[in-house]
Amino acid sequence: MKSAVTLCLVPEARRGPFVFHGSLAAGCRAAAESGFDGVEIFPASADDIATVAVRPVLVAHGLTLAAVGTGAGWVKHGLHLCHADPSVRGRAQNFIAGIIDVAGELGAPAIVGSM
């Protein structure tokens, strides 16, 4: 069985239910030192995950990318798929689509939860 832990890159979620917070490199180092096989990245947006930078950091620490989370759409940006305002719903859909695209480029699933 492989294990993964969430690495939160969203300062607004600092008090949230995540094990590691801060930079990708520091979180990956801590996850590897703690014996995890992979990480779930919880980014502020798809733009925050530079796909060229993620792979080398994961490889350097012997980790895989277990998933990419979309929760910052709600936590940071106030986006929700069931919002009464259609423009907010549209921005939520675009936010999730961006995360799915980036996760797909990295060969990982996207988690759509709180949105």
PDB file of N, CA and C in Angstrom:
ATOM      1  N   MET A   1       0.840  -1.167   0.000  1.00  0.00           N
ATOM      2  CA  MET A   1       0.000   0.000   0.000  1.00  0.00           C
ATOM      3  C   MET A   1       0.894   1.242   0.000  1.00  0.00           C
ATOM      4  N   LYS A   2       0.522   2.217  -0.819  1.00  0.00           N
ATOM      5  CA  LYS A   2       1.267   3.466  -0.877  1.00  0.00           C
ATOM      6  C   LYS A   2       0.542   4.521  -0.045  1.00  0.00           C
ATOM      7  N   SER A   3       1.313   5.459   0.468  1.00  0.00           N
ATOM      8  CA  SER A   3       0.720   6.506   1.297  1.00  0.00           C
ATOM      9  C   SER A   3       1.026   7.877   0.711  1.00  0.00           C
ATOM     10  N   ALA A   4       0.093   8.805   0.899  1.00  0.00           N
ATOM     11  CA  ALA A   4       0.277  10.182   0.438  1.00  0.00           C
ATOM     12  C   ALA A   4      -0.265  11.126   1.501  1.00  0.00           C
ATOM     13  N   VAL A   5       0.216  12.349   1.445  1.00  0.00           N
ATOM     14  CA  VAL A   5      -0.185  13.362   2.409  1.00  0.00           C
ATOM     15  C   VAL A   5      -0.426  14.663   1.652  1.00  0.00           C
ATOM     16  N   THR A   6      -1.306  15.502   2.186  1.00  0.00           N
ATOM     17  CA  THR A   6      -1.634  16.749   1.503  1.00  0.00           C
ATOM     18  C   THR A   6      -0.639  17.848   1.844  1.00  0.00           C
ATOM     19  N   LEU A   7      -0.241  18.554   0.797  1.00  0.00           N
ATOM     20  CA  LEU A   7       0.653  19.698   0.912  1.00  0.00           C
ATOM     21  C   LEU A   7      -0.138  20.927   0.482  1.00  0.00           C
ATOM     22  N   CYS A   8      -0.452  21.800   1.425  1.00  0.00           N
ATOM     23  CA  CYS A   8      -1.258  22.985   1.172  1.00  0.00           C
ATOM     24  C   CYS A   8      -0.363  24.166   0.796  1.00  0.00           C
ATOM     25  N   LEU A   9      -0.624  24.741  -0.372  1.00  0.00           N
ATOM     26  CA  LEU A   9       0.126  25.903  -0.854  1.00  0.00           C
ATOM     27  C   LEU A   9      -0.695  27.185  -0.726  1.00  0.00           C
ATOM     28  N   VAL A  10      -1.807  27.132   0.002  1.00  0.00           N
ATOM     29  CA  VAL A  10      -2.737  28.253   0.119  1.00  0.00           C
ATOM     30  C   VAL A  10      -2.652  28.848   1.529  1.00  0.00           C
ATOM     31  N   PRO A  11      -2.079  30.031   1.663  1.00  0.00           N
ATOM     32  CA  PRO A  11      -1.953  30.630   3.004  1.00  0.00           C
ATOM     33  C   PRO A  11      -3.290  30.787   3.727  1.00  0.00           C
ATOM     34  N   GLU A  12      -4.375  31.051   2.995  1.00  0.00           N
ATOM     35  CA  GLU A  12      -5.690  31.219   3.614  1.00  0.00           C
ATOM     36  C   GLU A  12      -6.202  29.939   4.257  1.00  0.00           C
ATOM     37  N   ALA A  13      -5.636  28.812   3.905  1.00  0.00           N
ATOM     38  CA  ALA A  13      -6.061  27.520   4.459  1.00  0.00           C
ATOM     39  C   ALA A  13      -5.062  26.998   5.491  1.00  0.00           C
ATOM     40  N   ARG A  14      -4.234  27.869   5.993  1.00  0.00           N
ATOM     41  CA  ARG A  14      -3.171  27.475   6.923  1.00  0.00           C
ATOM     42  C   ARG A  14      -3.698  26.717   8.143  1.00  0.00           C
ATOM     43  N   ARG A  15      -4.874  27.049   8.585  1.00  0.00           N
ATOM     44  CA  ARG A  15      -5.444  26.367   9.754  1.00  0.00           C
ATOM     45  C   ARG A  15      -6.318  25.178   9.356  1.00  0.00           C
ATOM     46  N   GLY A  16      -6.310  24.848   8.081  1.00  0.00           N
ATOM     47  CA  GLY A  16      -7.134  23.753   7.587  1.00  0.00           C
ATOM     48  C   GLY A  16      -6.562  22.385   7.917  1.00  0.00           C
ATOM     49  N   PRO A  17      -7.268  21.345   7.506  1.00  0.00           N
ATOM     50  CA  PRO A  17      -6.897  19.972   7.855  1.00  0.00           C
ATOM     51  C   PRO A  17      -5.805  19.387   6.971  1.00  0.00           C
ATOM     52  N   PHE A  18      -4.706  20.104   6.862  1.00  0.00           N
ATOM     53  CA  PHE A  18      -3.606  19.647   6.026  1.00  0.00           C
ATOM     54  C   PHE A  18      -2.386  19.400   6.893  1.00  0.00           C
ATOM     55  N   VAL A  19      -1.575  18.442   6.494  1.00  0.00           N
ATOM     56  CA  VAL A  19      -0.408  18.087   7.294  1.00  0.00           C
ATOM     57  C   VAL A  19       0.741  19.049   7.050  1.00  0.00           C
ATOM     58  N   PHE A  20       1.015  19.342   5.781  1.00  0.00           N
ATOM     59  CA  PHE A  20       2.139  20.224   5.462  1.00  0.00           C
ATOM     60  C   PHE A  20       1.648  21.488   4.776  1.00  0.00           C
ATOM     61  N   HIS A  21       2.248  22.608   5.118  1.00  0.00           N
ATOM     62  CA  HIS A  21       1.911  23.908   4.552  1.00  0.00           C
ATOM     63  C   HIS A  21       3.190  24.574   4.078  1.00  0.00           C
ATOM     64  N   GLY A  22       3.058  25.487   3.124  1.00  0.00           N
ATOM     65  CA  GLY A  22       4.218  26.250   2.696  1.00  0.00           C
ATOM     66  C   GLY A  22       4.603  25.960   1.266  1.00  0.00           C
ATOM     67  N   SER A  23       5.887  25.931   1.024  1.00  0.00           N
ATOM     68  CA  SER A  23       6.368  25.762  -0.349  1.00  0.00           C
ATOM     69  C   SER A  23       6.318  24.299  -0.790  1.00  0.00           C
ATOM     70  N   LEU A  24       6.278  24.124  -2.096  1.00  0.00           N
ATOM     71  CA  LEU A  24       6.276  22.779  -2.667  1.00  0.00           C
ATOM     72  C   LEU A  24       7.536  22.017  -2.274  1.00  0.00           C
ATOM     73  N   ALA A  25       8.686  22.664  -2.393  1.00  0.00           N
ATOM     74  CA  ALA A  25       9.953  21.988  -2.084  1.00  0.00           C
ATOM     75  C   ALA A  25      10.029  21.587  -0.611  1.00  0.00           C
ATOM     76  N   ALA A  26       9.671  22.496   0.277  1.00  0.00           N
ATOM     77  CA  ALA A  26       9.739  22.192   1.720  1.00  0.00           C
ATOM     78  C   ALA A  26       8.738  21.104   2.090  1.00  0.00           C
ATOM     79  N   GLY A  27       7.541  21.179   1.530  1.00  0.00           N
ATOM     80  CA  GLY A  27       6.530  20.169   1.823  1.00  0.00           C
ATOM     81  C   GLY A  27       6.917  18.800   1.304  1.00  0.00           C
ATOM     82  N   CYS A  28       7.482  18.757   0.106  1.00  0.00           N
ATOM     83  CA  CYS A  28       7.930  17.472  -0.449  1.00  0.00           C
ATOM     84  C   CYS A  28       9.074  16.896   0.378  1.00  0.00           C
ATOM     85  N   ARG A  29       9.978  17.736   0.788  1.00  0.00           N
ATOM     86  CA  ARG A  29      11.081  17.263   1.631  1.00  0.00           C
ATOM     87  C   ARG A  29      10.535  16.671   2.932  1.00  0.00           C
ATOM     88  N   ALA A  30       9.601  17.383   3.571  1.00  0.00           N
ATOM     89  CA  ALA A  30       9.022  16.906   4.836  1.00  0.00           C
ATOM     90  C   ALA A  30       8.232  15.616   4.625  1.00  0.00           C
ATOM     91  N   ALA A  31       7.487  15.538   3.524  1.00  0.00           N
ATOM     92  CA  ALA A  31       6.711  14.319   3.246  1.00  0.00           C
ATOM     93  C   ALA A  31       7.635  13.126   3.042  1.00  0.00           C
ATOM     94  N   ALA A  32       8.701  13.322   2.289  1.00  0.00           N
ATOM     95  CA  ALA A  32       9.653  12.226   2.046  1.00  0.00           C
ATOM     96  C   ALA A  32      10.344  11.819   3.341  1.00  0.00           C
ATOM     97  N   GLU A  33      10.760  12.798   4.124  1.00  0.00           N
ATOM     98  CA  GLU A  33      11.422  12.495   5.399  1.00  0.00           C
ATOM     99  C   GLU A  33      10.486  11.779   6.367  1.00  0.00           C
ATOM    100  N   SER A  34       9.180  12.006   6.215  1.00  0.00           N
ATOM    101  CA  SER A  34       8.193  11.355   7.079  1.00  0.00           C
ATOM    102  C   SER A  34       7.776   9.983   6.565  1.00  0.00           C
ATOM    103  N   GLY A  35       8.322   9.591   5.411  1.00  0.00           N
ATOM    104  CA  GLY A  35       8.070   8.252   4.896  1.00  0.00           C
ATOM    105  C   GLY A  35       6.908   8.115   3.931  1.00  0.00           C
ATOM    106  N   PHE A  36       6.338   9.225   3.469  1.00  0.00           N
ATOM    107  CA  PHE A  36       5.237   9.142   2.517  1.00  0.00           C
ATOM    108  C   PHE A  36       5.752   8.821   1.119  1.00  0.00           C
ATOM    109  N   ASP A  37       4.892   8.188   0.318  1.00  0.00           N
ATOM    110  CA  ASP A  37       5.240   7.833  -1.053  1.00  0.00           C
ATOM    111  C   ASP A  37       4.860   8.936  -2.040  1.00  0.00           C
ATOM    112  N   GLY A  38       3.890   9.760  -1.670  1.00  0.00           N
ATOM    113  CA  GLY A  38       3.410  10.789  -2.575  1.00  0.00           C
ATOM    114  C   GLY A  38       2.777  11.941  -1.833  1.00  0.00           C
ATOM    115  N   VAL A  39       2.366  12.952  -2.623  1.00  0.00           N
ATOM    116  CA  VAL A  39       1.700  14.118  -2.057  1.00  0.00           C
ATOM    117  C   VAL A  39       0.472  14.457  -2.893  1.00  0.00           C
ATOM    118  N   GLU A  40      -0.517  15.029  -2.231  1.00  0.00           N
ATOM    119  CA  GLU A  40      -1.623  15.695  -2.894  1.00  0.00           C
ATOM    120  C   GLU A  40      -1.325  17.178  -2.765  1.00  0.00           C
ATOM    121  N   ILE A  41      -1.322  17.886  -3.867  1.00  0.00           N
ATOM    122  CA  ILE A  41      -1.055  19.323  -3.825  1.00  0.00           C
ATOM    123  C   ILE A  41      -2.381  20.069  -3.785  1.00  0.00           C
ATOM    124  N   PHE A  42      -2.502  20.990  -2.850  1.00  0.00           N
ATOM    125  CA  PHE A  42      -3.670  21.840  -2.676  1.00  0.00           C
ATOM    126  C   PHE A  42      -3.226  23.254  -3.056  1.00  0.00           C
ATOM    127  N   PRO A  43      -3.366  23.636  -4.351  1.00  0.00           N
ATOM    128  CA  PRO A  43      -2.863  24.928  -4.821  1.00  0.00           C
ATOM    129  C   PRO A  43      -3.927  26.024  -4.769  1.00  0.00           C
ATOM    130  N   ALA A  44      -3.496  27.274  -4.836  1.00  0.00           N
ATOM    131  CA  ALA A  44      -4.419  28.403  -4.895  1.00  0.00           C
ATOM    132  C   ALA A  44      -5.120  28.471  -6.245  1.00  0.00           C
ATOM    133  N   SER A  45      -4.467  27.990  -7.285  1.00  0.00           N
ATOM    134  CA  SER A  45      -5.055  27.961  -8.628  1.00  0.00           C
ATOM    135  C   SER A  45      -4.196  27.070  -9.518  1.00  0.00           C
ATOM    136  N   ALA A  46      -4.696  26.797 -10.699  1.00  0.00           N
ATOM    137  CA  ALA A  46      -3.923  25.998 -11.651  1.00  0.00           C
ATOM    138  C   ALA A  46      -2.627  26.711 -12.016  1.00  0.00           C
ATOM    139  N   ASP A  47      -2.679  28.034 -12.075  1.00  0.00           N
ATOM    140  CA  ASP A  47      -1.481  28.811 -12.418  1.00  0.00           C
ATOM    141  C   ASP A  47      -0.368  28.653 -11.387  1.00  0.00           C
ATOM    142  N   ASP A  48      -0.746  28.301 -10.153  1.00  0.00           N
ATOM    143  CA  ASP A  48       0.256  28.146  -9.099  1.00  0.00           C
ATOM    144  C   ASP A  48       1.086  26.881  -9.242  1.00  0.00           C
ATOM    145  N   ILE A  49       0.653  25.986 -10.108  1.00  0.00           N
ATOM    146  CA  ILE A  49       1.399  24.745 -10.308  1.00  0.00           C
ATOM    147  C   ILE A  49       2.108  24.843 -11.655  1.00  0.00           C
ATOM    148  N   ALA A  50       3.346  25.229 -11.621  1.00  0.00           N
ATOM    149  CA  ALA A  50       4.141  25.261 -12.858  1.00  0.00           C
ATOM    150  C   ALA A  50       4.547  23.827 -13.150  1.00  0.00           C
ATOM    151  N   THR A  51       3.945  23.220 -14.159  1.00  0.00           N
ATOM    152  CA  THR A  51       4.155  21.790 -14.409  1.00  0.00           C
ATOM    153  C   THR A  51       5.629  21.446 -14.616  1.00  0.00           C
ATOM    154  N   VAL A  52       6.402  22.368 -15.123  1.00  0.00           N
ATOM    155  CA  VAL A  52       7.821  22.070 -15.308  1.00  0.00           C
ATOM    156  C   VAL A  52       8.554  22.022 -13.978  1.00  0.00           C
ATOM    157  N   ALA A  53       8.031  22.684 -12.952  1.00  0.00           N
ATOM    158  CA  ALA A  53       8.710  22.714 -11.658  1.00  0.00           C
ATOM    159  C   ALA A  53       8.272  21.573 -10.744  1.00  0.00           C
ATOM    160  N   VAL A  54       7.064  21.082 -10.894  1.00  0.00           N
ATOM    161  CA  VAL A  54       6.550  20.048  -9.989  1.00  0.00           C
ATOM    162  C   VAL A  54       7.304  18.737 -10.151  1.00  0.00           C
ATOM    163  N   ARG A  55       7.441  18.271 -11.374  1.00  0.00           N
ATOM    164  CA  ARG A  55       8.082  16.967 -11.601  1.00  0.00           C
ATOM    165  C   ARG A  55       9.478  16.874 -10.996  1.00  0.00           C
ATOM    166  N   PRO A  56      10.356  17.847 -11.247  1.00  0.00           N
ATOM    167  CA  PRO A  56      11.706  17.732 -10.678  1.00  0.00           C
ATOM    168  C   PRO A  56      11.717  17.700  -9.148  1.00  0.00           C
ATOM    169  N   VAL A  57      10.814  18.441  -8.529  1.00  0.00           N
ATOM    170  CA  VAL A  57      10.763  18.446  -7.058  1.00  0.00           C
ATOM    171  C   VAL A  57      10.301  17.084  -6.556  1.00  0.00           C
ATOM    172  N   LEU A  58       9.284  16.527  -7.191  1.00  0.00           N
ATOM    173  CA  LEU A  58       8.802  15.202  -6.789  1.00  0.00           C
ATOM    174  C   LEU A  58       9.900  14.154  -6.967  1.00  0.00           C
ATOM    175  N   VAL A  59      10.539  14.174  -8.118  1.00  0.00           N
ATOM    176  CA  VAL A  59      11.601  13.203  -8.407  1.00  0.00           C
ATOM    177  C   VAL A  59      12.752  13.353  -7.413  1.00  0.00           C
ATOM    178  N   ALA A  60      13.124  14.576  -7.109  1.00  0.00           N
ATOM    179  CA  ALA A  60      14.239  14.817  -6.185  1.00  0.00           C
ATOM    180  C   ALA A  60      13.981  14.213  -4.811  1.00  0.00           C
ATOM    181  N   HIS A  61      12.706  14.094  -4.453  1.00  0.00           N
ATOM    182  CA  HIS A  61      12.367  13.554  -3.128  1.00  0.00           C
ATOM    183  C   HIS A  61      11.783  12.143  -3.207  1.00  0.00           C
ATOM    184  N   GLY A  62      11.790  11.550  -4.396  1.00  0.00           N
ATOM    185  CA  GLY A  62      11.290  10.187  -4.548  1.00  0.00           C
ATOM    186  C   GLY A  62       9.798  10.054  -4.315  1.00  0.00           C
ATOM    187  N   LEU A  63       9.038  11.088  -4.685  1.00  0.00           N
ATOM    188  CA  LEU A  63       7.599  11.104  -4.446  1.00  0.00           C
ATOM    189  C   LEU A  63       6.819  11.037  -5.754  1.00  0.00           C
ATOM    190  N   THR A  64       5.559  10.606  -5.648  1.00  0.00           N
ATOM    191  CA  THR A  64       4.631  10.674  -6.761  1.00  0.00           C
ATOM    192  C   THR A  64       3.580  11.737  -6.446  1.00  0.00           C
ATOM    193  N   LEU A  65       2.857  12.156  -7.471  1.00  0.00           N
ATOM    194  CA  LEU A  65       1.759  13.093  -7.271  1.00  0.00           C
ATOM    195  C   LEU A  65       0.479  12.284  -7.179  1.00  0.00           C
ATOM    196  N   ALA A  66      -0.101  12.226  -5.997  1.00  0.00           N
ATOM    197  CA  ALA A  66      -1.304  11.428  -5.771  1.00  0.00           C
ATOM    198  C   ALA A  66      -2.546  12.120  -6.323  1.00  0.00           C
ATOM    199  N   ALA A  67      -2.604  13.456  -6.214  1.00  0.00           N
ATOM    200  CA  ALA A  67      -3.773  14.200  -6.684  1.00  0.00           C
ATOM    201  C   ALA A  67      -3.496  15.695  -6.578  1.00  0.00           C
ATOM    202  N   VAL A  68      -4.387  16.465  -7.216  1.00  0.00           N
ATOM    203  CA  VAL A  68      -4.374  17.921  -7.086  1.00  0.00           C
ATOM    204  C   VAL A  68      -5.770  18.329  -6.630  1.00  0.00           C
ATOM    205  N   GLY A  69      -5.849  19.116  -5.575  1.00  0.00           N
ATOM    206  CA  GLY A  69      -7.130  19.517  -5.004  1.00  0.00           C
ATOM    207  C   GLY A  69      -7.665  20.819  -5.581  1.00  0.00           C
ATOM    208  N   THR A  70      -8.989  20.953  -5.572  1.00  0.00           N
ATOM    209  CA  THR A  70      -9.650  22.152  -6.080  1.00  0.00           C
ATOM    210  C   THR A  70     -10.235  23.026  -4.980  1.00  0.00           C
ATOM    211  N   GLY A  71     -10.087  22.626  -3.738  1.00  0.00           N
ATOM    212  CA  GLY A  71     -10.749  23.303  -2.624  1.00  0.00           C
ATOM    213  C   GLY A  71     -10.453  24.778  -2.472  1.00  0.00           C
ATOM    214  N   ALA A  72      -9.322  25.242  -2.989  1.00  0.00           N
ATOM    215  CA  ALA A  72      -9.010  26.668  -2.878  1.00  0.00           C
ATOM    216  C   ALA A  72      -9.985  27.515  -3.688  1.00  0.00           C
ATOM    217  N   GLY A  73     -10.662  26.896  -4.642  1.00  0.00           N
ATOM    218  CA  GLY A  73     -11.691  27.631  -5.366  1.00  0.00           C
ATOM    219  C   GLY A  73     -12.708  28.201  -4.401  1.00  0.00           C
ATOM    220  N   TRP A  74     -13.052  27.430  -3.383  1.00  0.00           N
ATOM    221  CA  TRP A  74     -13.985  27.890  -2.351  1.00  0.00           C
ATOM    222  C   TRP A  74     -13.248  28.658  -1.253  1.00  0.00           C
ATOM    223  N   VAL A  75     -12.209  28.066  -0.713  1.00  0.00           N
ATOM    224  CA  VAL A  75     -11.502  28.636   0.441  1.00  0.00           C
ATOM    225  C   VAL A  75     -10.897  30.001   0.135  1.00  0.00           C
ATOM    226  N   LYS A  76     -10.273  30.136  -1.002  1.00  0.00           N
ATOM    227  CA  LYS A  76      -9.568  31.379  -1.342  1.00  0.00           C
ATOM    228  C   LYS A  76     -10.391  32.321  -2.219  1.00  0.00           C
ATOM    229  N   HIS A  77     -11.137  31.751  -3.163  1.00  0.00           N
ATOM    230  CA  HIS A  77     -11.795  32.574  -4.172  1.00  0.00           C
ATOM    231  C   HIS A  77     -13.312  32.685  -4.004  1.00  0.00           C
ATOM    232  N   GLY A  78     -13.893  31.926  -3.073  1.00  0.00           N
ATOM    233  CA  GLY A  78     -15.333  31.991  -2.836  1.00  0.00           C
ATOM    234  C   GLY A  78     -16.178  31.432  -3.978  1.00  0.00           C
ATOM    235  N   LEU A  79     -15.602  30.532  -4.762  1.00  0.00           N
ATOM    236  CA  LEU A  79     -16.318  29.948  -5.891  1.00  0.00           C
ATOM    237  C   LEU A  79     -17.066  28.697  -5.460  1.00  0.00           C
ATOM    238  N   HIS A  80     -18.239  28.494  -6.045  1.00  0.00           N
ATOM    239  CA  HIS A  80     -19.044  27.332  -5.694  1.00  0.00           C
ATOM    240  C   HIS A  80     -19.882  26.931  -6.900  1.00  0.00           C
ATOM    241  N   LEU A  81     -19.966  25.648  -7.165  1.00  0.00           N
ATOM    242  CA  LEU A  81     -20.717  25.155  -8.321  1.00  0.00           C
ATOM    243  C   LEU A  81     -22.222  25.344  -8.185  1.00  0.00           C
ATOM    244  N   CYS A  82     -22.707  25.563  -6.978  1.00  0.00           N
ATOM    245  CA  CYS A  82     -24.146  25.729  -6.734  1.00  0.00           C
ATOM    246  C   CYS A  82     -24.503  27.168  -6.372  1.00  0.00           C
ATOM    247  N   HIS A  83     -23.636  28.100  -6.653  1.00  0.00           N
ATOM    248  CA  HIS A  83     -23.875  29.507  -6.330  1.00  0.00           C
ATOM    249  C   HIS A  83     -25.077  30.036  -7.113  1.00  0.00           C
ATOM    250  N   ALA A  84     -25.841  30.943  -6.524  1.00  0.00           N
ATOM    251  CA  ALA A  84     -27.016  31.511  -7.189  1.00  0.00           C
ATOM    252  C   ALA A  84     -26.639  32.348  -8.416  1.00  0.00           C
ATOM    253  N   ASP A  85     -25.463  32.934  -8.393  1.00  0.00           N
ATOM    254  CA  ASP A  85     -25.014  33.795  -9.492  1.00  0.00           C
ATOM    255  C   ASP A  85     -24.368  32.932 -10.583  1.00  0.00           C
ATOM    256  N   PRO A  86     -24.919  32.940 -11.788  1.00  0.00           N
ATOM    257  CA  PRO A  86     -24.355  32.106 -12.857  1.00  0.00           C
ATOM    258  C   PRO A  86     -22.913  32.453 -13.212  1.00  0.00           C
ATOM    259  N   SER A  87     -22.518  33.713 -13.026  1.00  0.00           N
ATOM    260  CA  SER A  87     -21.123  34.066 -13.341  1.00  0.00           C
ATOM    261  C   SER A  87     -20.164  33.430 -12.342  1.00  0.00           C
ATOM    262  N   VAL A  88     -20.580  33.301 -11.087  1.00  0.00           N
ATOM    263  CA  VAL A  88     -19.746  32.630 -10.082  1.00  0.00           C
ATOM    264  C   VAL A  88     -19.655  31.140 -10.410  1.00  0.00           C
ATOM    265  N   ARG A  89     -20.782  30.556 -10.800  1.00  0.00           N
ATOM    266  CA  ARG A  89     -20.752  29.141 -11.201  1.00  0.00           C
ATOM    267  C   ARG A  89     -19.823  28.939 -12.384  1.00  0.00           C
ATOM    268  N   GLY A  90     -19.850  29.844 -13.335  1.00  0.00           N
ATOM    269  CA  GLY A  90     -18.971  29.749 -14.499  1.00  0.00           C
ATOM    270  C   GLY A  90     -17.508  29.857 -14.114  1.00  0.00           C
ATOM    271  N   ARG A  91     -17.189  30.783 -13.220  1.00  0.00           N
ATOM    272  CA  ARG A  91     -15.799  30.909 -12.755  1.00  0.00           C
ATOM    273  C   ARG A  91     -15.384  29.657 -11.987  1.00  0.00           C
ATOM    274  N   ALA A  92     -16.318  29.068 -11.231  1.00  0.00           N
ATOM    275  CA  ALA A  92     -16.023  27.822 -10.501  1.00  0.00           C
ATOM    276  C   ALA A  92     -15.714  26.702 -11.491  1.00  0.00           C
ATOM    277  N   GLN A  93     -16.515  26.607 -12.543  1.00  0.00           N
ATOM    278  CA  GLN A  93     -16.269  25.579 -13.558  1.00  0.00           C
ATOM    279  C   GLN A  93     -14.914  25.781 -14.223  1.00  0.00           C
ATOM    280  N   ASN A  94     -14.581  27.022 -14.527  1.00  0.00           N
ATOM    281  CA  ASN A  94     -13.278  27.314 -15.146  1.00  0.00           C
ATOM    282  C   ASN A  94     -12.125  26.998 -14.197  1.00  0.00           C
ATOM    283  N   PHE A  95     -12.309  27.302 -12.918  1.00  0.00           N
ATOM    284  CA  PHE A  95     -11.284  27.005 -11.923  1.00  0.00           C
ATOM    285  C   PHE A  95     -11.025  25.497 -11.883  1.00  0.00           C
ATOM    286  N   ILE A  96     -12.090  24.726 -11.785  1.00  0.00           N
ATOM    287  CA  ILE A  96     -11.963  23.266 -11.722  1.00  0.00           C
ATOM    288  C   ILE A  96     -11.355  22.722 -13.013  1.00  0.00           C
ATOM    289  N   ALA A  97     -11.785  23.230 -14.154  1.00  0.00           N
ATOM    290  CA  ALA A  97     -11.239  22.772 -15.440  1.00  0.00           C
ATOM    291  C   ALA A  97      -9.732  23.022 -15.504  1.00  0.00           C
ATOM    292  N   GLY A  98      -9.288  24.170 -14.992  1.00  0.00           N
ATOM    293  CA  GLY A  98      -7.856  24.461 -14.976  1.00  0.00           C
ATOM    294  C   GLY A  98      -7.084  23.475 -14.126  1.00  0.00           C
ATOM    295  N   ILE A  99      -7.629  23.143 -12.957  1.00  0.00           N
ATOM    296  CA  ILE A  99      -6.972  22.162 -12.080  1.00  0.00           C
ATOM    297  C   ILE A  99      -6.941  20.793 -12.758  1.00  0.00           C
ATOM    298  N   ILE A 100      -8.058  20.400 -13.378  1.00  0.00           N
ATOM    299  CA  ILE A 100      -8.104  19.113 -14.070  1.00  0.00           C
ATOM    300  C   ILE A 100      -7.053  19.065 -15.176  1.00  0.00           C
ATOM    301  N   ASP A 101      -6.927  20.143 -15.935  1.00  0.00           N
ATOM    302  CA  ASP A 101      -5.935  20.172 -17.017  1.00  0.00           C
ATOM    303  C   ASP A 101      -4.518  20.015 -16.483  1.00  0.00           C
ATOM    304  N   VAL A 102      -4.185  20.760 -15.435  1.00  0.00           N
ATOM    305  CA  VAL A 102      -2.833  20.683 -14.866  1.00  0.00           C
ATOM    306  C   VAL A 102      -2.585  19.306 -14.254  1.00  0.00           C
ATOM    307  N   ALA A 103      -3.565  18.809 -13.513  1.00  0.00           N
ATOM    308  CA  ALA A 103      -3.411  17.480 -12.913  1.00  0.00           C
ATOM    309  C   ALA A 103      -3.213  16.435 -14.004  1.00  0.00           C
ATOM    310  N   GLY A 104      -3.995  16.529 -15.073  1.00  0.00           N
ATOM    311  CA  GLY A 104      -3.867  15.594 -16.175  1.00  0.00           C
ATOM    312  C   GLY A 104      -2.506  15.630 -16.822  1.00  0.00           C
ATOM    313  N   GLU A 105      -1.961  16.853 -17.005  1.00  0.00           N
ATOM    314  CA  GLU A 105      -0.620  16.982 -17.568  1.00  0.00           C
ATOM    315  C   GLU A 105       0.421  16.298 -16.685  1.00  0.00           C
ATOM    316  N   LEU A 106       0.142  16.247 -15.396  1.00  0.00           N
ATOM    317  CA  LEU A 106       1.069  15.630 -14.451  1.00  0.00           C
ATOM    318  C   LEU A 106       0.722  14.166 -14.172  1.00  0.00           C
ATOM    319  N   GLY A 107      -0.308  13.653 -14.836  1.00  0.00           N
ATOM    320  CA  GLY A 107      -0.697  12.253 -14.669  1.00  0.00           C
ATOM    321  C   GLY A 107      -1.366  11.945 -13.355  1.00  0.00           C
ATOM    322  N   ALA A 108      -2.067  12.932 -12.796  1.00  0.00           N
ATOM    323  CA  ALA A 108      -2.713  12.742 -11.502  1.00  0.00           C
ATOM    324  C   ALA A 108      -4.193  13.093 -11.593  1.00  0.00           C
ATOM    325  N   PRO A 109      -5.005  12.551 -10.695  1.00  0.00           N
ATOM    326  CA  PRO A 109      -6.418  12.940 -10.660  1.00  0.00           C
ATOM    327  C   PRO A 109      -6.596  14.296  -9.985  1.00  0.00           C
ATOM    328  N   ALA A 110      -7.740  14.900 -10.223  1.00  0.00           N
ATOM    329  CA  ALA A 110      -8.123  16.122  -9.515  1.00  0.00           C
ATOM    330  C   ALA A 110      -9.226  15.758  -8.520  1.00  0.00           C
ATOM    331  N   ILE A 111      -9.163  16.363  -7.362  1.00  0.00           N
ATOM    332  CA  ILE A 111     -10.185  16.120  -6.337  1.00  0.00           C
ATOM    333  C   ILE A 111     -11.118  17.325  -6.325  1.00  0.00           C
ATOM    334  N   VAL A 112     -12.410  17.068  -6.561  1.00  0.00           N
ATOM    335  CA  VAL A 112     -13.411  18.134  -6.513  1.00  0.00           C
ATOM    336  C   VAL A 112     -14.249  17.865  -5.268  1.00  0.00           C
ATOM    337  N   GLY A 113     -14.036  18.658  -4.243  1.00  0.00           N
ATOM    338  CA  GLY A 113     -14.704  18.409  -2.967  1.00  0.00           C
ATOM    339  C   GLY A 113     -15.566  19.569  -2.540  1.00  0.00           C
ATOM    340  N   SER A 114     -15.007  20.500  -1.803  1.00  0.00           N
ATOM    341  CA  SER A 114     -15.777  21.554  -1.164  1.00  0.00           C
ATOM    342  C   SER A 114     -16.442  22.528  -2.124  1.00  0.00           C
ATOM    343  N   MET A 115     -16.043  22.511  -3.373  1.00  0.00           N
ATOM    344  CA  MET A 115     -16.647  23.452  -4.323  1.00  0.00           C
ATOM    345  C   MET A 115     -18.023  22.993  -4.755  1.00  0.00           C
TER     346      MET A 115
END
